[in-house]
Structure formats: C-alpha cells, structure tokens
Amino acid sequence: MTTEPWDPTTPGVLRLPSGRLIRGRALRRPLPPGRVPHFAVYLLGKQPPEVPWESHWLHWPDFRLPAKRSEARAVLAEAWSRSDAERVELACGGGRGRTGTALACVAVLDGVPAGDAVAYVRRHYSAHAVETPWQKRYVAGFGDTS
C-alpha cells in the first residue's frame, strides 16, 4: 500500500536520511489539520483514547523509558518499516521527551549512528527533543542488538 505521504513542510514531520517521513506530535495539542496517520504509536503512561486509525499504545511514563524495552524495539521497528509506504506518527503528551527519544531510535533504525541520533532529531525535529540523560543513554544503546 503506497499512499500520499506527510507534507514534509508540516511542523513535526521528520525526514529521515532514507527519505522516509514520520510525524512526531504532542497529544495535549489539537490534531493538526490535514492528513491523518495510517499507523500511530502513542508513548504514554496510561492507555490513550481510541482513534479512527490503527494505533499501538506503548507503555512509557513521562520522563522515563519504555516499560518493556523489547516491545518498544519491535513497535518502533514496525513504525520505521511502515513509514516507507504509510503515514506514521509517534506521539506523547508534550511531543518532546518520549516522542523525541522514539524518533531518535527510529533514526538509528534508518541508519543514523546511535551516538548521533539525538543531535539529528534535535536539529530536524525539535531542539528540545530527548529531555533526560537516561533517554539520551537509551538512544545511544538502541543500536546495540546484543
């Protein structure tokens, strides 16, 4: 399934080195006008409300790390894979810490060296992405598959 992608000029849309587009956003803000996602990953401490598109809730409390790291790796890999042909979004409450961390992990999956992924996301998504030292360490270790 190939569909019309995200508009790359829309705030929150991150272009990965491969050219894939993925949207990060804050759930505490209204849904942006325009296209909706086909698949979304919601990074929250409690289950999000239902949405009319396919979504996955990844239990991830604010300012923390995912509760189940193996699940996080699998879900973020699915998000990266689906972003090749579908509109995918990653979102948390504020759209910065957890969303930025997840976007940085997806950037690692796209080929950005793990040690450079936080800087990549801060440069291309939000200067305030990835809020805590442990989130930054999580990204740095995301490239390790051992």
N, C-alpha and C. Protein backbone atom coordinates (compact mmCIF):
# COMPACT_ATOMS: atom_id res chain seq x y z
N MET A 1 0.85 -1.18 0.00
CA MET A 1 0.00 0.00 0.00
C MET A 1 0.89 1.24 0.00
N THR A 2 0.82 2.00 -1.06
CA THR A 2 1.52 3.27 -1.12
C THR A 2 0.47 4.36 -1.13
N THR A 3 0.63 5.33 -0.27
CA THR A 3 -0.35 6.39 -0.13
C THR A 3 0.35 7.73 -0.18
N GLU A 4 -0.45 8.78 -0.20
CA GLU A 4 0.13 10.12 -0.19
C GLU A 4 0.85 10.32 1.14
N PRO A 5 2.11 10.73 1.10
CA PRO A 5 2.90 10.85 2.34
C PRO A 5 2.53 12.12 3.11
N TRP A 6 3.17 12.26 4.25
CA TRP A 6 3.07 13.51 5.00
C TRP A 6 3.60 14.64 4.15
N ASP A 7 3.10 15.83 4.35
CA ASP A 7 3.66 17.02 3.73
C ASP A 7 4.95 17.32 4.51
N PRO A 8 6.11 17.27 3.86
CA PRO A 8 7.38 17.45 4.58
C PRO A 8 7.56 18.84 5.18
N THR A 9 6.75 19.81 4.77
CA THR A 9 6.88 21.16 5.33
C THR A 9 6.01 21.36 6.57
N THR A 10 5.21 20.36 6.92
CA THR A 10 4.34 20.46 8.08
C THR A 10 5.16 20.36 9.36
N PRO A 11 4.91 21.23 10.33
CA PRO A 11 5.63 21.12 11.61
C PRO A 11 5.45 19.73 12.22
N GLY A 12 6.56 19.20 12.74
CA GLY A 12 6.54 17.89 13.37
C GLY A 12 6.92 16.75 12.46
N VAL A 13 6.97 16.98 11.16
CA VAL A 13 7.34 15.91 10.22
C VAL A 13 8.86 15.86 10.11
N LEU A 14 9.39 14.70 10.42
CA LEU A 14 10.84 14.47 10.37
C LEU A 14 11.17 13.68 9.12
N ARG A 15 12.12 14.20 8.34
CA ARG A 15 12.62 13.45 7.18
C ARG A 15 13.86 12.68 7.64
N LEU A 16 13.79 11.37 7.51
CA LEU A 16 14.92 10.51 7.85
C LEU A 16 15.92 10.51 6.70
N PRO A 17 17.15 10.10 6.94
CA PRO A 17 18.15 10.09 5.85
C PRO A 17 17.71 9.30 4.63
N SER A 18 16.91 8.25 4.82
CA SER A 18 16.43 7.44 3.69
C SER A 18 15.37 8.16 2.87
N GLY A 19 14.86 9.28 3.39
CA GLY A 19 13.78 9.99 2.72
C GLY A 19 12.42 9.70 3.31
N ARG A 20 12.33 8.69 4.17
CA ARG A 20 11.05 8.39 4.83
C ARG A 20 10.64 9.57 5.69
N LEU A 21 9.33 9.78 5.79
CA LEU A 21 8.78 10.85 6.61
C LEU A 21 7.99 10.24 7.75
N ILE A 22 8.17 10.78 8.93
CA ILE A 22 7.44 10.31 10.11
C ILE A 22 7.09 11.54 10.94
N ARG A 23 5.88 11.55 11.48
CA ARG A 23 5.45 12.74 12.22
C ARG A 23 5.51 12.49 13.72
N GLY A 24 6.06 13.46 14.42
CA GLY A 24 6.02 13.48 15.87
C GLY A 24 5.05 14.57 16.29
N ARG A 25 4.33 14.35 17.39
CA ARG A 25 3.41 15.40 17.83
C ARG A 25 3.08 15.26 19.31
N ALA A 26 2.49 16.32 19.83
CA ALA A 26 2.04 16.38 21.22
C ALA A 26 0.56 16.07 21.28
N LEU A 27 0.19 15.09 22.07
CA LEU A 27 -1.22 14.72 22.20
C LEU A 27 -2.01 15.75 23.00
N ARG A 28 -1.33 16.58 23.78
CA ARG A 28 -2.04 17.62 24.53
C ARG A 28 -2.47 18.78 23.64
N ARG A 29 -2.05 18.76 22.40
CA ARG A 29 -2.46 19.80 21.45
C ARG A 29 -3.49 19.20 20.48
N PRO A 30 -4.29 20.04 19.86
CA PRO A 30 -5.28 19.51 18.91
C PRO A 30 -4.62 18.78 17.74
N LEU A 31 -5.35 17.86 17.18
CA LEU A 31 -4.87 17.16 15.99
C LEU A 31 -4.62 18.18 14.89
N PRO A 32 -3.43 18.16 14.29
CA PRO A 32 -3.15 19.12 13.22
C PRO A 32 -4.12 18.93 12.05
N PRO A 33 -4.43 20.03 11.34
CA PRO A 33 -5.30 19.89 10.17
C PRO A 33 -4.59 19.11 9.07
N GLY A 34 -5.38 18.57 8.18
CA GLY A 34 -4.80 17.85 7.04
C GLY A 34 -4.84 16.35 7.22
N ARG A 35 -3.87 15.71 6.65
CA ARG A 35 -3.82 14.25 6.63
C ARG A 35 -3.71 13.65 8.03
N VAL A 36 -4.30 12.48 8.18
CA VAL A 36 -4.22 11.74 9.44
C VAL A 36 -3.30 10.54 9.23
N PRO A 37 -2.79 9.99 10.32
CA PRO A 37 -1.89 8.84 10.16
C PRO A 37 -2.65 7.57 9.75
N HIS A 38 -1.90 6.65 9.18
CA HIS A 38 -2.41 5.30 8.97
C HIS A 38 -2.10 4.45 10.19
N PHE A 39 -0.96 4.75 10.82
CA PHE A 39 -0.50 4.00 11.98
C PHE A 39 0.15 4.97 12.94
N ALA A 40 -0.16 4.82 14.21
CA ALA A 40 0.41 5.71 15.22
C ALA A 40 0.88 4.89 16.41
N VAL A 41 1.94 5.38 17.05
CA VAL A 41 2.43 4.79 18.29
C VAL A 41 2.31 5.87 19.35
N TYR A 42 1.55 5.56 20.39
CA TYR A 42 1.31 6.50 21.48
C TYR A 42 2.13 6.07 22.69
N LEU A 43 3.01 6.97 23.10
CA LEU A 43 4.02 6.73 24.13
C LEU A 43 3.54 7.38 25.42
N LEU A 44 2.75 6.64 26.19
CA LEU A 44 2.09 7.23 27.35
C LEU A 44 2.12 6.29 28.55
N GLY A 45 1.98 6.89 29.74
CA GLY A 45 1.92 6.11 30.98
C GLY A 45 0.59 5.43 31.19
N LYS A 46 -0.46 5.90 30.50
CA LYS A 46 -1.77 5.25 30.59
C LYS A 46 -2.35 5.12 29.19
N GLN A 47 -3.27 4.21 29.04
CA GLN A 47 -3.83 3.93 27.72
C GLN A 47 -4.50 5.17 27.13
N PRO A 48 -4.19 5.46 25.86
CA PRO A 48 -4.78 6.64 25.21
C PRO A 48 -6.22 6.36 24.78
N PRO A 49 -6.95 7.43 24.48
CA PRO A 49 -8.29 7.22 23.92
C PRO A 49 -8.21 6.58 22.54
N GLU A 50 -9.29 5.96 22.11
CA GLU A 50 -9.31 5.33 20.80
C GLU A 50 -9.28 6.38 19.69
N VAL A 51 -8.68 6.00 18.59
CA VAL A 51 -8.59 6.86 17.41
C VAL A 51 -9.11 6.06 16.20
N PRO A 52 -9.53 6.74 15.14
CA PRO A 52 -10.08 6.01 13.99
C PRO A 52 -9.04 5.38 13.06
N TRP A 53 -7.77 5.44 13.40
CA TRP A 53 -6.72 4.80 12.60
C TRP A 53 -6.06 3.74 13.47
N GLU A 54 -5.27 2.91 12.85
CA GLU A 54 -4.57 1.86 13.59
C GLU A 54 -3.54 2.49 14.51
N SER A 55 -3.49 2.01 15.74
CA SER A 55 -2.52 2.56 16.69
C SER A 55 -2.05 1.48 17.64
N HIS A 56 -0.93 1.79 18.27
CA HIS A 56 -0.36 0.91 19.29
C HIS A 56 0.00 1.76 20.49
N TRP A 57 -0.41 1.33 21.66
CA TRP A 57 -0.05 2.02 22.90
C TRP A 57 1.22 1.36 23.45
N LEU A 58 2.25 2.14 23.59
CA LEU A 58 3.50 1.68 24.19
C LEU A 58 3.57 2.30 25.58
N HIS A 59 3.50 1.47 26.61
CA HIS A 59 3.52 1.97 27.99
C HIS A 59 4.87 2.62 28.27
N TRP A 60 4.83 3.96 28.42
CA TRP A 60 6.06 4.73 28.56
C TRP A 60 5.74 5.96 29.41
N PRO A 61 5.93 5.88 30.73
CA PRO A 61 5.61 7.02 31.60
C PRO A 61 6.45 8.26 31.28
N ASP A 62 5.87 9.42 31.56
CA ASP A 62 6.52 10.71 31.30
C ASP A 62 7.88 10.79 31.98
N PHE A 63 8.85 11.30 31.27
CA PHE A 63 10.24 11.48 31.72
C PHE A 63 10.97 10.17 31.99
N ARG A 64 10.42 9.06 31.58
CA ARG A 64 11.02 7.75 31.83
C ARG A 64 11.38 7.07 30.52
N LEU A 65 11.53 5.74 30.63
CA LEU A 65 11.83 4.90 29.47
C LEU A 65 10.69 3.91 29.30
N PRO A 66 10.63 3.25 28.13
CA PRO A 66 9.54 2.29 27.92
C PRO A 66 9.55 1.19 28.98
N ALA A 67 8.36 0.79 29.41
CA ALA A 67 8.25 -0.25 30.44
C ALA A 67 8.80 -1.58 29.95
N LYS A 68 8.57 -1.90 28.68
CA LYS A 68 9.04 -3.15 28.09
C LYS A 68 9.92 -2.81 26.89
N ARG A 69 11.21 -2.89 27.09
CA ARG A 69 12.14 -2.44 26.04
C ARG A 69 12.11 -3.32 24.80
N SER A 70 11.88 -4.62 24.96
CA SER A 70 11.81 -5.48 23.77
C SER A 70 10.57 -5.14 22.95
N GLU A 71 9.46 -4.82 23.62
CA GLU A 71 8.25 -4.40 22.91
C GLU A 71 8.51 -3.06 22.21
N ALA A 72 9.18 -2.15 22.89
CA ALA A 72 9.48 -0.85 22.29
C ALA A 72 10.30 -1.02 21.02
N ARG A 73 11.32 -1.86 21.07
CA ARG A 73 12.15 -2.09 19.89
C ARG A 73 11.30 -2.63 18.74
N ALA A 74 10.43 -3.59 19.02
CA ALA A 74 9.60 -4.19 17.98
C ALA A 74 8.61 -3.19 17.39
N VAL A 75 7.98 -2.41 18.25
CA VAL A 75 6.98 -1.44 17.79
C VAL A 75 7.65 -0.31 17.00
N LEU A 76 8.80 0.17 17.46
CA LEU A 76 9.50 1.22 16.72
C LEU A 76 10.03 0.70 15.39
N ALA A 77 10.44 -0.56 15.35
CA ALA A 77 10.86 -1.17 14.08
C ALA A 77 9.67 -1.27 13.12
N GLU A 78 8.49 -1.60 13.66
CA GLU A 78 7.29 -1.64 12.81
C GLU A 78 6.97 -0.24 12.29
N ALA A 79 7.07 0.76 13.15
CA ALA A 79 6.80 2.15 12.73
C ALA A 79 7.77 2.54 11.61
N TRP A 80 9.04 2.24 11.79
CA TRP A 80 10.03 2.57 10.75
C TRP A 80 9.69 1.85 9.45
N SER A 81 9.40 0.57 9.52
CA SER A 81 9.09 -0.22 8.32
C SER A 81 7.86 0.33 7.61
N ARG A 82 6.83 0.63 8.36
CA ARG A 82 5.58 1.12 7.75
C ARG A 82 5.71 2.53 7.21
N SER A 83 6.66 3.30 7.71
CA SER A 83 6.83 4.68 7.25
C SER A 83 7.31 4.76 5.81
N ASP A 84 7.72 3.64 5.25
CA ASP A 84 8.14 3.62 3.85
C ASP A 84 6.97 3.82 2.91
N ALA A 85 5.77 3.36 3.31
CA ALA A 85 4.62 3.43 2.42
C ALA A 85 3.37 4.02 3.08
N GLU A 86 3.43 4.30 4.38
CA GLU A 86 2.26 4.80 5.10
C GLU A 86 2.63 6.04 5.91
N ARG A 87 1.61 6.80 6.29
CA ARG A 87 1.82 7.93 7.20
C ARG A 87 1.84 7.38 8.62
N VAL A 88 2.97 7.54 9.29
CA VAL A 88 3.17 7.05 10.65
C VAL A 88 3.45 8.24 11.55
N GLU A 89 2.86 8.20 12.75
CA GLU A 89 3.18 9.24 13.73
C GLU A 89 3.55 8.59 15.05
N LEU A 90 4.42 9.28 15.77
CA LEU A 90 4.81 8.93 17.13
C LEU A 90 4.41 10.11 18.00
N ALA A 91 3.76 9.85 19.13
CA ALA A 91 3.27 10.97 19.93
C ALA A 91 3.23 10.62 21.41
N CYS A 92 3.51 11.64 22.22
CA CYS A 92 3.36 11.57 23.67
C CYS A 92 2.62 12.83 24.10
N GLY A 93 2.51 13.05 25.38
CA GLY A 93 1.77 14.21 25.87
C GLY A 93 2.29 15.53 25.35
N GLY A 94 3.59 15.77 25.52
CA GLY A 94 4.17 17.05 25.13
C GLY A 94 4.87 17.04 23.78
N GLY A 95 5.11 15.86 23.21
CA GLY A 95 5.73 15.77 21.90
C GLY A 95 7.22 16.01 21.87
N ARG A 96 7.88 15.98 23.03
CA ARG A 96 9.32 16.30 23.06
C ARG A 96 10.17 15.14 23.59
N GLY A 97 9.98 14.80 24.87
CA GLY A 97 10.86 13.81 25.51
C GLY A 97 10.71 12.41 24.97
N ARG A 98 9.55 11.80 25.21
CA ARG A 98 9.32 10.43 24.75
C ARG A 98 9.25 10.38 23.22
N THR A 99 8.55 11.35 22.63
CA THR A 99 8.46 11.37 21.16
C THR A 99 9.84 11.57 20.55
N GLY A 100 10.61 12.52 21.08
CA GLY A 100 11.96 12.74 20.56
C GLY A 100 12.84 11.53 20.72
N THR A 101 12.72 10.84 21.85
CA THR A 101 13.50 9.63 22.10
C THR A 101 13.13 8.56 21.09
N ALA A 102 11.82 8.37 20.88
CA ALA A 102 11.36 7.36 19.92
C ALA A 102 11.79 7.72 18.50
N LEU A 103 11.69 9.00 18.14
CA LEU A 103 12.14 9.42 16.81
C LEU A 103 13.64 9.17 16.64
N ALA A 104 14.41 9.42 17.68
CA ALA A 104 15.86 9.16 17.61
C ALA A 104 16.14 7.67 17.42
N CYS A 105 15.36 6.83 18.09
CA CYS A 105 15.53 5.38 17.92
C CYS A 105 15.17 4.97 16.49
N VAL A 106 14.11 5.55 15.95
CA VAL A 106 13.74 5.26 14.56
C VAL A 106 14.84 5.75 13.62
N ALA A 107 15.45 6.88 13.93
CA ALA A 107 16.57 7.37 13.11
C ALA A 107 17.73 6.38 13.13
N VAL A 108 17.98 5.75 14.27
CA VAL A 108 19.01 4.72 14.35
C VAL A 108 18.65 3.56 13.41
N LEU A 109 17.38 3.16 13.43
CA LEU A 109 16.95 2.08 12.54
C LEU A 109 17.11 2.48 11.07
N ASP A 110 17.06 3.78 10.79
CA ASP A 110 17.20 4.29 9.43
C ASP A 110 18.66 4.47 9.03
N GLY A 111 19.58 4.21 9.95
CA GLY A 111 21.00 4.29 9.60
C GLY A 111 21.79 5.40 10.26
N VAL A 112 21.14 6.26 11.04
CA VAL A 112 21.88 7.30 11.77
C VAL A 112 22.66 6.61 12.88
N PRO A 113 23.95 6.86 13.03
CA PRO A 113 24.70 6.25 14.12
C PRO A 113 24.04 6.60 15.47
N ALA A 114 23.95 5.62 16.36
CA ALA A 114 23.25 5.82 17.64
C ALA A 114 23.79 7.02 18.41
N GLY A 115 25.10 7.25 18.34
CA GLY A 115 25.68 8.38 19.05
C GLY A 115 25.34 9.73 18.45
N ASP A 116 24.80 9.75 17.23
CA ASP A 116 24.44 11.00 16.56
C ASP A 116 22.94 11.21 16.46
N ALA A 117 22.14 10.23 16.86
CA ALA A 117 20.70 10.26 16.62
C ALA A 117 19.98 11.36 17.39
N VAL A 118 20.38 11.61 18.64
CA VAL A 118 19.73 12.68 19.41
C VAL A 118 19.99 14.03 18.74
N ALA A 119 21.22 14.28 18.35
CA ALA A 119 21.54 15.54 17.67
C ALA A 119 20.77 15.66 16.36
N TYR A 120 20.62 14.57 15.64
CA TYR A 120 19.87 14.58 14.37
C TYR A 120 18.43 15.00 14.62
N VAL A 121 17.80 14.40 15.62
CA VAL A 121 16.40 14.72 15.91
C VAL A 121 16.27 16.14 16.45
N ARG A 122 17.20 16.57 17.27
CA ARG A 122 17.16 17.95 17.77
C ARG A 122 17.32 18.96 16.62
N ARG A 123 18.11 18.62 15.63
CA ARG A 123 18.35 19.52 14.50
C ARG A 123 17.16 19.53 13.53
N HIS A 124 16.52 18.37 13.33
CA HIS A 124 15.50 18.27 12.29
C HIS A 124 14.06 18.18 12.80
N TYR A 125 13.87 17.99 14.10
CA TYR A 125 12.51 17.89 14.65
C TYR A 125 12.26 18.96 15.71
N SER A 126 13.01 18.92 16.80
CA SER A 126 12.84 19.90 17.88
C SER A 126 14.14 20.01 18.67
N ALA A 127 14.55 21.23 18.90
CA ALA A 127 15.77 21.46 19.70
C ALA A 127 15.61 20.96 21.13
N HIS A 128 14.38 20.73 21.56
CA HIS A 128 14.11 20.28 22.93
C HIS A 128 13.81 18.79 23.02
N ALA A 129 13.99 18.06 21.93
CA ALA A 129 13.72 16.63 21.92
C ALA A 129 14.70 15.88 22.82
N VAL A 130 14.23 14.81 23.41
CA VAL A 130 15.00 13.94 24.30
C VAL A 130 15.38 14.75 25.55
N GLU A 131 14.56 14.63 26.59
CA GLU A 131 14.64 15.54 27.72
C GLU A 131 15.55 15.11 28.87
N THR A 132 15.80 13.82 29.01
CA THR A 132 16.54 13.38 30.20
C THR A 132 17.83 12.66 29.82
N PRO A 133 18.79 12.62 30.74
CA PRO A 133 20.03 11.89 30.44
C PRO A 133 19.78 10.41 30.17
N TRP A 134 18.82 9.79 30.85
CA TRP A 134 18.58 8.36 30.64
C TRP A 134 17.89 8.12 29.29
N GLN A 135 17.10 9.08 28.81
CA GLN A 135 16.54 8.94 27.46
C GLN A 135 17.67 9.01 26.43
N LYS A 136 18.61 9.92 26.65
CA LYS A 136 19.75 10.04 25.73
C LYS A 136 20.59 8.75 25.74
N ARG A 137 20.81 8.17 26.93
CA ARG A 137 21.56 6.90 27.02
C ARG A 137 20.81 5.76 26.35
N TYR A 138 19.48 5.77 26.48
CA TYR A 138 18.66 4.74 25.84
C TYR A 138 18.86 4.77 24.32
N VAL A 139 18.85 5.96 23.75
CA VAL A 139 19.07 6.09 22.31
C VAL A 139 20.48 5.61 21.94
N ALA A 140 21.46 6.01 22.72
CA ALA A 140 22.86 5.62 22.44
C ALA A 140 23.01 4.10 22.46
N GLY A 141 22.25 3.43 23.30
CA GLY A 141 22.32 1.97 23.37
C GLY A 141 21.36 1.26 22.43
N PHE A 142 20.51 2.02 21.74
CA PHE A 142 19.49 1.41 20.89
C PHE A 142 20.10 0.67 19.70
N GLY A 143 21.27 1.10 19.28
CA GLY A 143 21.93 0.42 18.17
C GLY A 143 22.50 -0.93 18.54
N ASP A 144 22.66 -1.20 19.84
CA ASP A 144 23.18 -2.48 20.30
C ASP A 144 22.08 -3.53 20.24
N THR A 145 22.30 -4.59 19.50
CA THR A 145 21.29 -5.64 19.42
C THR A 145 21.63 -6.82 20.32
N SER A 146 22.71 -6.71 21.06
CA SER A 146 23.10 -7.83 21.92
C SER A 146 22.30 -7.83 23.20
